[in-house]
Amino acid sequence: MAGKLSAEQQRRVDEILQFQRSVDHVAKLVAELEGNRAAKATFIDGGGIFMKIRGLNDGLSSLRMQLDVTLKQAMTPEPKQGPDQSH
């Protein structure tokens, strides 16, 4: 990192990292569901479940991209302001 993060930025980074861990956990659950779908095809509408799993995977990919961008923004140090400049 080029500069030190403020306390607020560090809190934000920590939150984003927690969200990323949650997305990873959901991705594992979706992968498990996808792996089990063939065995349970007689109980579930096979075609519908394929589309739903694809939708879940697409949503997870989108969340990962958004979190990556947000994390990069949160890790960018705030520009230093002089004493005469205010927020």
C-alpha atoms as a PDB file:
ATOM      1  CA  MET A   1       0.000   0.000   0.000  1.00  0.00           C
ATOM      2  CA  ALA A   2       1.233   3.463  -0.855  1.00  0.00           C
ATOM      3  CA  GLY A   3      -0.148   5.187   2.229  1.00  0.00           C
ATOM      4  CA  LYS A   4      -1.714   4.505   5.571  1.00  0.00           C
ATOM      5  CA  LEU A   5      -5.466   4.020   5.707  1.00  0.00           C
ATOM      6  CA  SER A   6      -7.694   6.007   8.006  1.00  0.00           C
ATOM      7  CA  ALA A   7      -9.674   4.173  10.667  1.00  0.00           C
ATOM      8  CA  GLU A   8     -12.829   4.560   8.576  1.00  0.00           C
ATOM      9  CA  GLN A   9     -11.096   3.158   5.486  1.00  0.00           C
ATOM     10  CA  GLN A  10      -9.748   0.199   7.451  1.00  0.00           C
ATOM     11  CA  ARG A  11     -13.230  -0.506   8.805  1.00  0.00           C
ATOM     12  CA  ARG A  12     -14.588  -0.401   5.241  1.00  0.00           C
ATOM     13  CA  VAL A  13     -11.835  -2.728   3.975  1.00  0.00           C
ATOM     14  CA  ASP A  14     -12.613  -5.184   6.787  1.00  0.00           C
ATOM     15  CA  GLU A  15     -16.323  -5.126   5.908  1.00  0.00           C
ATOM     16  CA  ILE A  16     -15.624  -5.755   2.225  1.00  0.00           C
ATOM     17  CA  LEU A  17     -13.308  -8.648   3.060  1.00  0.00           C
ATOM     18  CA  GLN A  18     -16.080 -10.155   5.200  1.00  0.00           C
ATOM     19  CA  PHE A  19     -18.519  -9.791   2.304  1.00  0.00           C
ATOM     20  CA  GLN A  20     -16.008 -11.550   0.048  1.00  0.00           C
ATOM     21  CA  ARG A  21     -15.759 -14.433   2.516  1.00  0.00           C
ATOM     22  CA  SER A  22     -19.562 -14.664   2.523  1.00  0.00           C
ATOM     23  CA  VAL A  23     -19.638 -14.781  -1.278  1.00  0.00           C
ATOM     24  CA  ASP A  24     -16.997 -17.531  -1.244  1.00  0.00           C
ATOM     25  CA  HIS A  25     -19.114 -19.531   1.221  1.00  0.00           C
ATOM     26  CA  VAL A  26     -22.226 -19.152  -0.946  1.00  0.00           C
ATOM     27  CA  ALA A  27     -20.187 -20.171  -4.013  1.00  0.00           C
ATOM     28  CA  LYS A  28     -19.207 -23.399  -2.236  1.00  0.00           C
ATOM     29  CA  LEU A  29     -22.847 -24.077  -1.420  1.00  0.00           C
ATOM     30  CA  VAL A  30     -23.876 -23.470  -5.035  1.00  0.00           C
ATOM     31  CA  ALA A  31     -21.089 -25.775  -6.253  1.00  0.00           C
ATOM     32  CA  GLU A  32     -22.320 -28.444  -3.832  1.00  0.00           C
ATOM     33  CA  LEU A  33     -25.870 -27.988  -5.097  1.00  0.00           C
ATOM     34  CA  GLU A  34     -24.651 -28.221  -8.675  1.00  0.00           C
ATOM     35  CA  GLY A  35     -22.762 -31.415  -7.869  1.00  0.00           C
ATOM     36  CA  ASN A  36     -25.844 -32.984  -6.296  1.00  0.00           C
ATOM     37  CA  ARG A  37     -28.335 -31.971  -8.965  1.00  0.00           C
ATOM     38  CA  ALA A  38     -27.788 -35.077 -11.125  1.00  0.00           C
ATOM     39  CA  ALA A  39     -28.509 -37.421  -8.252  1.00  0.00           C
ATOM     40  CA  LYS A  40     -31.765 -35.668  -7.352  1.00  0.00           C
ATOM     41  CA  ALA A  41     -33.055 -34.989 -10.864  1.00  0.00           C
ATOM     42  CA  THR A  42     -36.072 -37.203 -10.285  1.00  0.00           C
ATOM     43  CA  PHE A  43     -37.263 -34.977  -7.422  1.00  0.00           C
ATOM     44  CA  ILE A  44     -36.652 -31.591  -9.050  1.00  0.00           C
ATOM     45  CA  ASP A  45     -37.539 -30.149 -12.424  1.00  0.00           C
ATOM     46  CA  GLY A  46     -34.163 -30.764 -14.085  1.00  0.00           C
ATOM     47  CA  GLY A  47     -34.241 -27.947 -16.643  1.00  0.00           C
ATOM     48  CA  GLY A  48     -35.399 -25.328 -14.174  1.00  0.00           C
ATOM     49  CA  ILE A  49     -32.683 -26.112 -11.660  1.00  0.00           C
ATOM     50  CA  PHE A  50     -29.965 -25.736 -14.295  1.00  0.00           C
ATOM     51  CA  MET A  51     -31.156 -22.235 -15.091  1.00  0.00           C
ATOM     52  CA  LYS A  52     -31.390 -21.325 -11.417  1.00  0.00           C
ATOM     53  CA  ILE A  53     -27.877 -22.566 -10.693  1.00  0.00           C
ATOM     54  CA  ARG A  54     -26.552 -20.628 -13.678  1.00  0.00           C
ATOM     55  CA  GLY A  55     -28.319 -17.527 -12.357  1.00  0.00           C
ATOM     56  CA  LEU A  56     -26.762 -18.039  -8.930  1.00  0.00           C
ATOM     57  CA  ASN A  57     -23.297 -18.400 -10.460  1.00  0.00           C
ATOM     58  CA  ASP A  58     -23.798 -15.279 -12.598  1.00  0.00           C
ATOM     59  CA  GLY A  59     -24.915 -13.341  -9.531  1.00  0.00           C
ATOM     60  CA  LEU A  60     -21.879 -14.513  -7.572  1.00  0.00           C
ATOM     61  CA  SER A  61     -19.559 -13.430 -10.398  1.00  0.00           C
ATOM     62  CA  SER A  62     -21.185 -10.016 -10.451  1.00  0.00           C
ATOM     63  CA  LEU A  63     -20.865  -9.660  -6.665  1.00  0.00           C
ATOM     64  CA  ARG A  64     -17.188 -10.639  -6.807  1.00  0.00           C
ATOM     65  CA  MET A  65     -16.464  -8.014  -9.477  1.00  0.00           C
ATOM     66  CA  GLN A  66     -18.298  -5.308  -7.544  1.00  0.00           C
ATOM     67  CA  LEU A  67     -16.529  -6.188  -4.294  1.00  0.00           C
ATOM     68  CA  ASP A  68     -13.120  -6.191  -6.010  1.00  0.00           C
ATOM     69  CA  VAL A  69     -13.711  -2.696  -7.383  1.00  0.00           C
ATOM     70  CA  THR A  70     -15.045  -1.450  -4.052  1.00  0.00           C
ATOM     71  CA  LEU A  71     -12.077  -2.937  -2.189  1.00  0.00           C
ATOM     72  CA  LYS A  72      -9.606  -1.198  -4.505  1.00  0.00           C
ATOM     73  CA  GLN A  73     -11.418   2.092  -3.944  1.00  0.00           C
ATOM     74  CA  ALA A  74     -11.495   1.612  -0.183  1.00  0.00           C
ATOM     75  CA  MET A  75      -7.767   0.835  -0.095  1.00  0.00           C
ATOM     76  CA  THR A  76      -6.841   4.028  -1.946  1.00  0.00           C
ATOM     77  CA  PRO A  77      -5.516   6.478   0.640  1.00  0.00           C
ATOM     78  CA  GLU A  78      -7.480   9.672   0.959  1.00  0.00           C
ATOM     79  CA  PRO A  79      -5.698  12.744  -0.396  1.00  0.00           C
ATOM     80  CA  LYS A  80      -4.130  14.847   2.310  1.00  0.00           C
ATOM     81  CA  GLN A  81      -5.822  18.165   2.860  1.00  0.00           C
ATOM     82  CA  GLY A  82      -4.195  21.277   4.150  1.00  0.00           C
ATOM     83  CA  PRO A  83      -5.431  23.030   7.327  1.00  0.00           C
ATOM     84  CA  ASP A  84      -7.389  25.599   5.292  1.00  0.00           C
ATOM     85  CA  GLN A  85      -9.276  22.930   3.318  1.00  0.00           C
ATOM     86  CA  SER A  86     -12.378  21.371   4.821  1.00  0.00           C
ATOM     87  CA  HIS A  87     -14.586  18.433   3.861  1.00  0.00           C
END
